[in-house]
Amino acid sequence: MPTPLTAAGRRRLVERCKTHPITHVAAGMGILRSYASKWVNRYRRYGDFGLFDHPSTPHHRPTATPEDVVAQIEDLRRRHKWSATQIPFELAAPKPCPTRKR
């Protein structure tokens, strides 16, 4: 895995790549060429904003379990120490409901 760079390190990377080949800059900074290319391409596409990390989580989840059901599930787990197989019977919900992952 490549060494993570800070936004300032990515800025230095981009500046160096303006006058030198990406491969040479990557080798000099101790990172993979593909990793360097990713940040250079993000800079070319988005400018300075592209040098910052972006969250990989979705902006919204249309199929997420409703908050009131999540609250009920958490309450049942805390009060009764029930497992994910016991909770759907109490909630009269489909089996995958108590899990957080979809």
PDB file of N, CA and C in Angstrom:
ATOM      1  N   MET A   1       0.857  -1.181   0.000  1.00  0.00           N
ATOM      2  CA  MET A   1       0.000   0.000   0.000  1.00  0.00           C
ATOM      3  C   MET A   1       0.898   1.238   0.000  1.00  0.00           C
ATOM      4  N   PRO A   2       0.564   2.214  -0.800  1.00  0.00           N
ATOM      5  CA  PRO A   2       1.406   3.411  -0.863  1.00  0.00           C
ATOM      6  C   PRO A   2       1.329   4.225   0.425  1.00  0.00           C
ATOM      7  N   THR A   3       2.380   4.967   0.659  1.00  0.00           N
ATOM      8  CA  THR A   3       2.417   5.856   1.817  1.00  0.00           C
ATOM      9  C   THR A   3       1.409   6.976   1.604  1.00  0.00           C
ATOM     10  N   PRO A   4       0.518   7.203   2.562  1.00  0.00           N
ATOM     11  CA  PRO A   4      -0.458   8.274   2.373  1.00  0.00           C
ATOM     12  C   PRO A   4       0.212   9.647   2.410  1.00  0.00           C
ATOM     13  N   LEU A   5      -0.257  10.513   1.566  1.00  0.00           N
ATOM     14  CA  LEU A   5       0.259  11.879   1.521  1.00  0.00           C
ATOM     15  C   LEU A   5      -0.765  12.829   2.111  1.00  0.00           C
ATOM     16  N   THR A   6      -0.284  13.879   2.733  1.00  0.00           N
ATOM     17  CA  THR A   6      -1.177  14.941   3.184  1.00  0.00           C
ATOM     18  C   THR A   6      -1.526  15.807   1.986  1.00  0.00           C
ATOM     19  N   ALA A   7      -2.440  16.722   2.174  1.00  0.00           N
ATOM     20  CA  ALA A   7      -2.801  17.636   1.086  1.00  0.00           C
ATOM     21  C   ALA A   7      -1.583  18.448   0.643  1.00  0.00           C
ATOM     22  N   ALA A   8      -0.735  18.826   1.593  1.00  0.00           N
ATOM     23  CA  ALA A   8       0.486  19.567   1.245  1.00  0.00           C
ATOM     24  C   ALA A   8       1.442  18.688   0.439  1.00  0.00           C
ATOM     25  N   GLY A   9       1.558  17.423   0.798  1.00  0.00           N
ATOM     26  CA  GLY A   9       2.398  16.495   0.054  1.00  0.00           C
ATOM     27  C   GLY A   9       1.879  16.273  -1.360  1.00  0.00           C
ATOM     28  N   ARG A  10       0.564  16.221  -1.487  1.00  0.00           N
ATOM     29  CA  ARG A  10      -0.042  16.070  -2.816  1.00  0.00           C
ATOM     30  C   ARG A  10       0.205  17.312  -3.663  1.00  0.00           C
ATOM     31  N   ARG A  11       0.179  18.463  -3.030  1.00  0.00           N
ATOM     32  CA  ARG A  11       0.457  19.721  -3.729  1.00  0.00           C
ATOM     33  C   ARG A  11       1.900  19.705  -4.263  1.00  0.00           C
ATOM     34  N   ARG A  12       2.865  19.257  -3.425  1.00  0.00           N
ATOM     35  CA  ARG A  12       4.262  19.146  -3.862  1.00  0.00           C
ATOM     36  C   ARG A  12       4.384  18.158  -5.020  1.00  0.00           C
ATOM     37  N   LEU A  13       3.664  17.054  -4.918  1.00  0.00           N
ATOM     38  CA  LEU A  13       3.667  16.051  -5.981  1.00  0.00           C
ATOM     39  C   LEU A  13       3.220  16.659  -7.303  1.00  0.00           C
ATOM     40  N   VAL A  14       2.113  17.383  -7.276  1.00  0.00           N
ATOM     41  CA  VAL A  14       1.572  17.998  -8.495  1.00  0.00           C
ATOM     42  C   VAL A  14       2.555  19.017  -9.065  1.00  0.00           C
ATOM     43  N   GLU A  15       3.138  19.831  -8.213  1.00  0.00           N
ATOM     44  CA  GLU A  15       4.084  20.844  -8.675  1.00  0.00           C
ATOM     45  C   GLU A  15       5.308  20.202  -9.325  1.00  0.00           C
ATOM     46  N   ARG A  16       5.814  19.136  -8.726  1.00  0.00           N
ATOM     47  CA  ARG A  16       6.983  18.456  -9.291  1.00  0.00           C
ATOM     48  C   ARG A  16       6.646  17.796 -10.629  1.00  0.00           C
ATOM     49  N   CYS A  17       5.414  17.294 -10.741  1.00  0.00           N
ATOM     50  CA  CYS A  17       5.007  16.614 -11.977  1.00  0.00           C
ATOM     51  C   CYS A  17       4.827  17.573 -13.144  1.00  0.00           C
ATOM     52  N   LYS A  18       4.791  18.862 -12.874  1.00  0.00           N
ATOM     53  CA  LYS A  18       4.693  19.850 -13.954  1.00  0.00           C
ATOM     54  C   LYS A  18       5.999  19.939 -14.739  1.00  0.00           C
ATOM     55  N   THR A  19       7.122  19.599 -14.099  1.00  0.00           N
ATOM     56  CA  THR A  19       8.428  19.723 -14.762  1.00  0.00           C
ATOM     57  C   THR A  19       9.165  18.396 -14.920  1.00  0.00           C
ATOM     58  N   HIS A  20       8.674  17.325 -14.282  1.00  0.00           N
ATOM     59  CA  HIS A  20       9.331  16.022 -14.347  1.00  0.00           C
ATOM     60  C   HIS A  20       8.304  14.937 -14.644  1.00  0.00           C
ATOM     61  N   PRO A  21       8.745  13.809 -15.193  1.00  0.00           N
ATOM     62  CA  PRO A  21       7.819  12.695 -15.441  1.00  0.00           C
ATOM     63  C   PRO A  21       7.232  12.154 -14.130  1.00  0.00           C
ATOM     64  N   ILE A  22       5.990  11.732 -14.188  1.00  0.00           N
ATOM     65  CA  ILE A  22       5.300  11.211 -12.990  1.00  0.00           C
ATOM     66  C   ILE A  22       6.073  10.040 -12.388  1.00  0.00           C
ATOM     67  N   THR A  23       6.587   9.165 -13.224  1.00  0.00           N
ATOM     68  CA  THR A  23       7.318   7.994 -12.732  1.00  0.00           C
ATOM     69  C   THR A  23       8.517   8.401 -11.882  1.00  0.00           C
ATOM     70  N   HIS A  24       9.261   9.388 -12.331  1.00  0.00           N
ATOM     71  CA  HIS A  24      10.453   9.833 -11.591  1.00  0.00           C
ATOM     72  C   HIS A  24      10.061  10.519 -10.276  1.00  0.00           C
ATOM     73  N   VAL A  25       9.020  11.330 -10.328  1.00  0.00           N
ATOM     74  CA  VAL A  25       8.556  12.018  -9.117  1.00  0.00           C
ATOM     75  C   VAL A  25       8.063  11.000  -8.102  1.00  0.00           C
ATOM     76  N   ALA A  26       7.286  10.014  -8.563  1.00  0.00           N
ATOM     77  CA  ALA A  26       6.753   8.985  -7.660  1.00  0.00           C
ATOM     78  C   ALA A  26       7.893   8.208  -7.001  1.00  0.00           C
ATOM     79  N   ALA A  27       8.879   7.834  -7.792  1.00  0.00           N
ATOM     80  CA  ALA A  27      10.019   7.097  -7.236  1.00  0.00           C
ATOM     81  C   ALA A  27      10.765   7.959  -6.215  1.00  0.00           C
ATOM     82  N   GLY A  28      10.932   9.232  -6.514  1.00  0.00           N
ATOM     83  CA  GLY A  28      11.618  10.133  -5.586  1.00  0.00           C
ATOM     84  C   GLY A  28      10.857  10.352  -4.288  1.00  0.00           C
ATOM     85  N   MET A  29       9.524  10.265  -4.355  1.00  0.00           N
ATOM     86  CA  MET A  29       8.713  10.458  -3.143  1.00  0.00           C
ATOM     87  C   MET A  29       8.396   9.140  -2.437  1.00  0.00           C
ATOM     88  N   GLY A  30       8.823   8.033  -3.041  1.00  0.00           N
ATOM     89  CA  GLY A  30       8.600   6.728  -2.407  1.00  0.00           C
ATOM     90  C   GLY A  30       7.170   6.246  -2.501  1.00  0.00           C
ATOM     91  N   ILE A  31       6.453   6.592  -3.571  1.00  0.00           N
ATOM     92  CA  ILE A  31       5.073   6.152  -3.749  1.00  0.00           C
ATOM     93  C   ILE A  31       4.938   5.466  -5.107  1.00  0.00           C
ATOM     94  N   LEU A  32       3.837   4.771  -5.301  1.00  0.00           N
ATOM     95  CA  LEU A  32       3.581   4.101  -6.571  1.00  0.00           C
ATOM     96  C   LEU A  32       3.225   5.112  -7.657  1.00  0.00           C
ATOM     97  N   ARG A  33       3.583   4.782  -8.896  1.00  0.00           N
ATOM     98  CA  ARG A  33       3.264   5.657 -10.019  1.00  0.00           C
ATOM     99  C   ARG A  33       1.758   5.804 -10.164  1.00  0.00           C
ATOM    100  N   SER A  34       1.021   4.716  -9.971  1.00  0.00           N
ATOM    101  CA  SER A  34      -0.437   4.780 -10.098  1.00  0.00           C
ATOM    102  C   SER A  34      -1.054   5.692  -9.038  1.00  0.00           C
ATOM    103  N   TYR A  35      -0.478   5.685  -7.848  1.00  0.00           N
ATOM    104  CA  TYR A  35      -0.950   6.549  -6.763  1.00  0.00           C
ATOM    105  C   TYR A  35      -0.685   8.018  -7.109  1.00  0.00           C
ATOM    106  N   ALA A  36       0.507   8.277  -7.656  1.00  0.00           N
ATOM    107  CA  ALA A  36       0.846   9.640  -8.065  1.00  0.00           C
ATOM    108  C   ALA A  36      -0.060  10.092  -9.211  1.00  0.00           C
ATOM    109  N   SER A  37      -0.301   9.209 -10.156  1.00  0.00           N
ATOM    110  CA  SER A  37      -1.169   9.547 -11.291  1.00  0.00           C
ATOM    111  C   SER A  37      -2.579   9.878 -10.836  1.00  0.00           C
ATOM    112  N   LYS A  38      -3.060   9.149  -9.834  1.00  0.00           N
ATOM    113  CA  LYS A  38      -4.401   9.406  -9.313  1.00  0.00           C
ATOM    114  C   LYS A  38      -4.520  10.844  -8.824  1.00  0.00           C
ATOM    115  N   TRP A  39      -3.542  11.309  -8.059  1.00  0.00           N
ATOM    116  CA  TRP A  39      -3.617  12.659  -7.496  1.00  0.00           C
ATOM    117  C   TRP A  39      -3.374  13.736  -8.545  1.00  0.00           C
ATOM    118  N   VAL A  40      -2.490  13.466  -9.485  1.00  0.00           N
ATOM    119  CA  VAL A  40      -2.255  14.434 -10.560  1.00  0.00           C
ATOM    120  C   VAL A  40      -3.519  14.579 -11.411  1.00  0.00           C
ATOM    121  N   ASN A  41      -4.158  13.460 -11.729  1.00  0.00           N
ATOM    122  CA  ASN A  41      -5.392  13.517 -12.526  1.00  0.00           C
ATOM    123  C   ASN A  41      -6.520  14.207 -11.772  1.00  0.00           C
ATOM    124  N   ARG A  42      -6.603  13.967 -10.464  1.00  0.00           N
ATOM    125  CA  ARG A  42      -7.625  14.674  -9.675  1.00  0.00           C
ATOM    126  C   ARG A  42      -7.366  16.179  -9.676  1.00  0.00           C
ATOM    127  N   TYR A  43      -6.103  16.555  -9.590  1.00  0.00           N
ATOM    128  CA  TYR A  43      -5.777  17.976  -9.621  1.00  0.00           C
ATOM    129  C   TYR A  43      -6.143  18.587 -10.971  1.00  0.00           C
ATOM    130  N   ARG A  44      -5.820  17.886 -12.041  1.00  0.00           N
ATOM    131  CA  ARG A  44      -6.149  18.387 -13.377  1.00  0.00           C
ATOM    132  C   ARG A  44      -7.654  18.540 -13.569  1.00  0.00           C
ATOM    133  N   ARG A  45      -8.403  17.647 -12.982  1.00  0.00           N
ATOM    134  CA  ARG A  45      -9.864  17.678 -13.162  1.00  0.00           C
ATOM    135  C   ARG A  45     -10.556  18.665 -12.232  1.00  0.00           C
ATOM    136  N   TYR A  46     -10.133  18.712 -10.951  1.00  0.00           N
ATOM    137  CA  TYR A  46     -10.848  19.501  -9.938  1.00  0.00           C
ATOM    138  C   TYR A  46     -10.055  20.670  -9.371  1.00  0.00           C
ATOM    139  N   GLY A  47      -8.794  20.806  -9.727  1.00  0.00           N
ATOM    140  CA  GLY A  47      -7.985  21.879  -9.158  1.00  0.00           C
ATOM    141  C   GLY A  47      -7.567  21.554  -7.736  1.00  0.00           C
ATOM    142  N   ASP A  48      -7.371  22.586  -6.920  1.00  0.00           N
ATOM    143  CA  ASP A  48      -6.923  22.380  -5.535  1.00  0.00           C
ATOM    144  C   ASP A  48      -7.899  21.527  -4.728  1.00  0.00           C
ATOM    145  N   PHE A  49      -9.173  21.636  -5.009  1.00  0.00           N
ATOM    146  CA  PHE A  49     -10.170  20.851  -4.280  1.00  0.00           C
ATOM    147  C   PHE A  49      -9.933  19.349  -4.460  1.00  0.00           C
ATOM    148  N   GLY A  50      -9.383  18.947  -5.588  1.00  0.00           N
ATOM    149  CA  GLY A  50      -9.125  17.538  -5.852  1.00  0.00           C
ATOM    150  C   GLY A  50      -8.023  16.936  -5.010  1.00  0.00           C
ATOM    151  N   LEU A  51      -7.225  17.775  -4.345  1.00  0.00           N
ATOM    152  CA  LEU A  51      -6.119  17.277  -3.533  1.00  0.00           C
ATOM    153  C   LEU A  51      -6.549  16.862  -2.128  1.00  0.00           C
ATOM    154  N   PHE A  52      -7.802  17.088  -1.781  1.00  0.00           N
ATOM    155  CA  PHE A  52      -8.302  16.714  -0.456  1.00  0.00           C
ATOM    156  C   PHE A  52      -8.998  15.365  -0.524  1.00  0.00           C
ATOM    157  N   ASP A  53      -8.986  14.645   0.598  1.00  0.00           N
ATOM    158  CA  ASP A  53      -9.682  13.373   0.678  1.00  0.00           C
ATOM    159  C   ASP A  53     -11.174  13.602   0.575  1.00  0.00           C
ATOM    160  N   HIS A  54     -11.852  12.662  -0.057  1.00  0.00           N
ATOM    161  CA  HIS A  54     -13.301  12.723  -0.177  1.00  0.00           C
ATOM    162  C   HIS A  54     -13.886  11.480   0.479  1.00  0.00           C
ATOM    163  N   PRO A  55     -14.972  11.602   1.211  1.00  0.00           N
ATOM    164  CA  PRO A  55     -15.561  10.424   1.847  1.00  0.00           C
ATOM    165  C   PRO A  55     -16.098   9.459   0.802  1.00  0.00           C
ATOM    166  N   SER A  56     -15.971   8.181   1.085  1.00  0.00           N
ATOM    167  CA  SER A  56     -16.465   7.174   0.151  1.00  0.00           C
ATOM    168  C   SER A  56     -17.887   6.723   0.486  1.00  0.00           C
ATOM    169  N   THR A  57     -18.464   7.254   1.550  1.00  0.00           N
ATOM    170  CA  THR A  57     -19.824   6.879   1.917  1.00  0.00           C
ATOM    171  C   THR A  57     -20.828   7.538   0.979  1.00  0.00           C
ATOM    172  N   PRO A  58     -21.944   6.885   0.740  1.00  0.00           N
ATOM    173  CA  PRO A  58     -22.945   7.476  -0.142  1.00  0.00           C
ATOM    174  C   PRO A  58     -23.593   8.707   0.489  1.00  0.00           C
ATOM    175  N   HIS A  59     -24.092   9.602  -0.352  1.00  0.00           N
ATOM    176  CA  HIS A  59     -24.746  10.813   0.143  1.00  0.00           C
ATOM    177  C   HIS A  59     -26.089  10.504   0.791  1.00  0.00           C
ATOM    178  N   HIS A  60     -26.769   9.490   0.297  1.00  0.00           N
ATOM    179  CA  HIS A  60     -28.040   9.064   0.903  1.00  0.00           C
ATOM    180  C   HIS A  60     -28.215   7.575   0.657  1.00  0.00           C
ATOM    181  N   ARG A  61     -29.055   6.960   1.472  1.00  0.00           N
ATOM    182  CA  ARG A  61     -29.326   5.529   1.362  1.00  0.00           C
ATOM    183  C   ARG A  61     -30.836   5.327   1.275  1.00  0.00           C
ATOM    184  N   PRO A  62     -31.364   5.206   0.088  1.00  0.00           N
ATOM    185  CA  PRO A  62     -32.822   5.083  -0.044  1.00  0.00           C
ATOM    186  C   PRO A  62     -33.387   3.796   0.564  1.00  0.00           C
ATOM    187  N   THR A  63     -32.579   2.755   0.718  1.00  0.00           N
ATOM    188  CA  THR A  63     -33.081   1.499   1.270  1.00  0.00           C
ATOM    189  C   THR A  63     -32.669   1.285   2.722  1.00  0.00           C
ATOM    190  N   ALA A  64     -32.180   2.319   3.372  1.00  0.00           N
ATOM    191  CA  ALA A  64     -31.729   2.192   4.762  1.00  0.00           C
ATOM    192  C   ALA A  64     -32.907   1.893   5.688  1.00  0.00           C
ATOM    193  N   THR A  65     -32.609   1.187   6.762  1.00  0.00           N
ATOM    194  CA  THR A  65     -33.624   0.907   7.774  1.00  0.00           C
ATOM    195  C   THR A  65     -34.054   2.214   8.423  1.00  0.00           C
ATOM    196  N   PRO A  66     -35.362   2.452   8.556  1.00  0.00           N
ATOM    197  CA  PRO A  66     -35.831   3.710   9.159  1.00  0.00           C
ATOM    198  C   PRO A  66     -35.264   3.913  10.568  1.00  0.00           C
ATOM    199  N   GLU A  67     -35.054   5.172  10.930  1.00  0.00           N
ATOM    200  CA  GLU A  67     -34.441   5.507  12.220  1.00  0.00           C
ATOM    201  C   GLU A  67     -35.235   4.974  13.414  1.00  0.00           C
ATOM    202  N   ASP A  68     -36.562   4.993  13.345  1.00  0.00           N
ATOM    203  CA  ASP A  68     -37.355   4.507  14.476  1.00  0.00           C
ATOM    204  C   ASP A  68     -37.166   3.001  14.672  1.00  0.00           C
ATOM    205  N   VAL A  69     -37.022   2.253  13.584  1.00  0.00           N
ATOM    206  CA  VAL A  69     -36.782   0.815  13.686  1.00  0.00           C
ATOM    207  C   VAL A  69     -35.383   0.563  14.235  1.00  0.00           C
ATOM    208  N   VAL A  70     -34.398   1.344  13.798  1.00  0.00           N
ATOM    209  CA  VAL A  70     -33.034   1.211  14.322  1.00  0.00           C
ATOM    210  C   VAL A  70     -33.037   1.468  15.826  1.00  0.00           C
ATOM    211  N   ALA A  71     -33.770   2.469  16.259  1.00  0.00           N
ATOM    212  CA  ALA A  71     -33.853   2.770  17.692  1.00  0.00           C
ATOM    213  C   ALA A  71     -34.480   1.608  18.461  1.00  0.00           C
ATOM    214  N   GLN A  72     -35.526   0.991  17.896  1.00  0.00           N
ATOM    215  CA  GLN A  72     -36.155  -0.168  18.546  1.00  0.00           C
ATOM    216  C   GLN A  72     -35.170  -1.337  18.642  1.00  0.00           C
ATOM    217  N   ILE A  73     -34.440  -1.566  17.572  1.00  0.00           N
ATOM    218  CA  ILE A  73     -33.474  -2.663  17.557  1.00  0.00           C
ATOM    219  C   ILE A  73     -32.394  -2.439  18.611  1.00  0.00           C
ATOM    220  N   GLU A  74     -31.866  -1.225  18.671  1.00  0.00           N
ATOM    221  CA  GLU A  74     -30.828  -0.928  19.666  1.00  0.00           C
ATOM    222  C   GLU A  74     -31.372  -1.094  21.079  1.00  0.00           C
ATOM    223  N   ASP A  75     -32.613  -0.665  21.293  1.00  0.00           N
ATOM    224  CA  ASP A  75     -33.235  -0.797  22.612  1.00  0.00           C
ATOM    225  C   ASP A  75     -33.380  -2.272  22.995  1.00  0.00           C
ATOM    226  N   LEU A  76     -33.849  -3.108  22.062  1.00  0.00           N
ATOM    227  CA  LEU A  76     -34.014  -4.537  22.351  1.00  0.00           C
ATOM    228  C   LEU A  76     -32.660  -5.203  22.615  1.00  0.00           C
ATOM    229  N   ARG A  77     -31.653  -4.804  21.884  1.00  0.00           N
ATOM    230  CA  ARG A  77     -30.328  -5.394  22.104  1.00  0.00           C
ATOM    231  C   ARG A  77     -29.776  -5.007  23.469  1.00  0.00           C
ATOM    232  N   ARG A  78     -29.998  -3.775  23.885  1.00  0.00           N
ATOM    233  CA  ARG A  78     -29.470  -3.326  25.181  1.00  0.00           C
ATOM    234  C   ARG A  78     -30.275  -3.894  26.356  1.00  0.00           C
ATOM    235  N   ARG A  79     -31.603  -3.830  26.240  1.00  0.00           N
ATOM    236  CA  ARG A  79     -32.435  -4.274  27.359  1.00  0.00           C
ATOM    237  C   ARG A  79     -32.438  -5.786  27.531  1.00  0.00           C
ATOM    238  N   HIS A  80     -32.592  -6.516  26.426  1.00  0.00           N
ATOM    239  CA  HIS A  80     -32.761  -7.964  26.516  1.00  0.00           C
ATOM    240  C   HIS A  80     -31.533  -8.758  26.097  1.00  0.00           C
ATOM    241  N   LYS A  81     -30.521  -8.078  25.544  1.00  0.00           N
ATOM    242  CA  LYS A  81     -29.325  -8.752  25.031  1.00  0.00           C
ATOM    243  C   LYS A  81     -29.691  -9.783  23.972  1.00  0.00           C
ATOM    244  N   TRP A  82     -30.681  -9.447  23.146  1.00  0.00           N
ATOM    245  CA  TRP A  82     -31.127 -10.358  22.095  1.00  0.00           C
ATOM    246  C   TRP A  82     -30.181 -10.310  20.904  1.00  0.00           C
ATOM    247  N   SER A  83     -30.148 -11.439  20.191  1.00  0.00           N
ATOM    248  CA  SER A  83     -29.318 -11.518  18.988  1.00  0.00           C
ATOM    249  C   SER A  83     -30.125 -11.074  17.770  1.00  0.00           C
ATOM    250  N   ALA A  84     -29.460 -11.038  16.632  1.00  0.00           N
ATOM    251  CA  ALA A  84     -30.105 -10.618  15.392  1.00  0.00           C
ATOM    252  C   ALA A  84     -31.170 -11.606  14.933  1.00  0.00           C
ATOM    253  N   THR A  85     -31.124 -12.844  15.404  1.00  0.00           N
ATOM    254  CA  THR A  85     -32.152 -13.813  15.002  1.00  0.00           C
ATOM    255  C   THR A  85     -33.421 -13.691  15.841  1.00  0.00           C
ATOM    256  N   GLN A  86     -33.333 -13.168  17.049  1.00  0.00           N
ATOM    257  CA  GLN A  86     -34.503 -13.034  17.920  1.00  0.00           C
ATOM    258  C   GLN A  86     -35.298 -11.756  17.649  1.00  0.00           C
ATOM    259  N   ILE A  87     -34.635 -10.686  17.269  1.00  0.00           N
ATOM    260  CA  ILE A  87     -35.272  -9.384  17.129  1.00  0.00           C
ATOM    261  C   ILE A  87     -36.350  -9.339  16.043  1.00  0.00           C
ATOM    262  N   PRO A  88     -36.183  -9.939  14.862  1.00  0.00           N
ATOM    263  CA  PRO A  88     -37.243  -9.845  13.841  1.00  0.00           C
ATOM    264  C   PRO A  88     -38.583 -10.401  14.306  1.00  0.00           C
ATOM    265  N   PHE A  89     -38.553 -11.422  15.160  1.00  0.00           N
ATOM    266  CA  PHE A  89     -39.813 -11.977  15.656  1.00  0.00           C
ATOM    267  C   PHE A  89     -40.548 -10.969  16.537  1.00  0.00           C
ATOM    268  N   GLU A  90     -39.792 -10.213  17.313  1.00  0.00           N
ATOM    269  CA  GLU A  90     -40.398  -9.187  18.162  1.00  0.00           C
ATOM    270  C   GLU A  90     -40.918  -8.016  17.333  1.00  0.00           C
ATOM    271  N   LEU A  91     -40.174  -7.628  16.308  1.00  0.00           N
ATOM    272  CA  LEU A  91     -40.567  -6.494  15.478  1.00  0.00           C
ATOM    273  C   LEU A  91     -41.523  -6.875  14.357  1.00  0.00           C
ATOM    274  N   ALA A  92     -41.699  -8.168  14.123  1.00  0.00           N
ATOM    275  CA  ALA A  92     -42.499  -8.670  13.003  1.00  0.00           C
ATOM    276  C   ALA A  92     -41.974  -8.094  11.688  1.00  0.00           C
ATOM    277  N   ALA A  93     -40.660  -8.122  11.560  1.00  0.00           N
ATOM    278  CA  ALA A  93     -40.000  -7.582  10.374  1.00  0.00           C
ATOM    279  C   ALA A  93     -39.266  -8.711   9.655  1.00  0.00           C
ATOM    280  N   PRO A  94     -38.905  -8.495   8.394  1.00  0.00           N
ATOM    281  CA  PRO A  94     -38.128  -9.511   7.685  1.00  0.00           C
ATOM    282  C   PRO A  94     -36.784  -9.757   8.353  1.00  0.00           C
ATOM    283  N   LYS A  95     -36.234 -10.924   8.184  1.00  0.00           N
ATOM    284  CA  LYS A  95     -35.031 -11.329   8.893  1.00  0.00           C
ATOM    285  C   LYS A  95     -33.828 -10.388   8.742  1.00  0.00           C
ATOM    286  N   PRO A  96     -33.506  -9.821   7.561  1.00  0.00           N
ATOM    287  CA  PRO A  96     -32.301  -9.004   7.486  1.00  0.00           C
ATOM    288  C   PRO A  96     -32.392  -7.638   8.168  1.00  0.00           C
ATOM    289  N   CYS A  97     -33.516  -7.262   8.724  1.00  0.00           N
ATOM    290  CA  CYS A  97     -33.725  -5.939   9.301  1.00  0.00           C
ATOM    291  C   CYS A  97     -32.719  -5.551  10.391  1.00  0.00           C
ATOM    292  N   PRO A  98     -32.389  -6.407  11.388  1.00  0.00           N
ATOM    293  CA  PRO A  98     -31.535  -5.960  12.480  1.00  0.00           C
ATOM    294  C   PRO A  98     -30.088  -5.698  12.100  1.00  0.00           C
ATOM    295  N   THR A  99     -29.654  -6.191  10.973  1.00  0.00           N
ATOM    296  CA  THR A  99     -28.257  -5.956  10.623  1.00  0.00           C
ATOM    297  C   THR A  99     -28.080  -4.545  10.097  1.00  0.00           C
ATOM    298  N   ARG A 100     -26.911  -3.984  10.317  1.00  0.00           N
ATOM    299  CA  ARG A 100     -26.644  -2.623   9.860  1.00  0.00           C
ATOM    300  C   ARG A 100     -26.139  -2.621   8.425  1.00  0.00           C
ATOM    301  N   LYS A 101     -25.533  -3.702   7.984  1.00  0.00           N
ATOM    302  CA  LYS A 101     -24.993  -3.752   6.618  1.00  0.00           C
ATOM    303  C   LYS A 101     -26.090  -4.216   5.668  1.00  0.00           C
ATOM    304  N   ARG A 102     -26.005  -3.718   4.464  1.00  0.00           N
ATOM    305  CA  ARG A 102     -26.954  -4.155   3.419  1.00  0.00           C
ATOM    306  C   ARG A 102     -26.180  -4.593   2.241  1.00  0.00           C
TER     307      ARG A 102
END
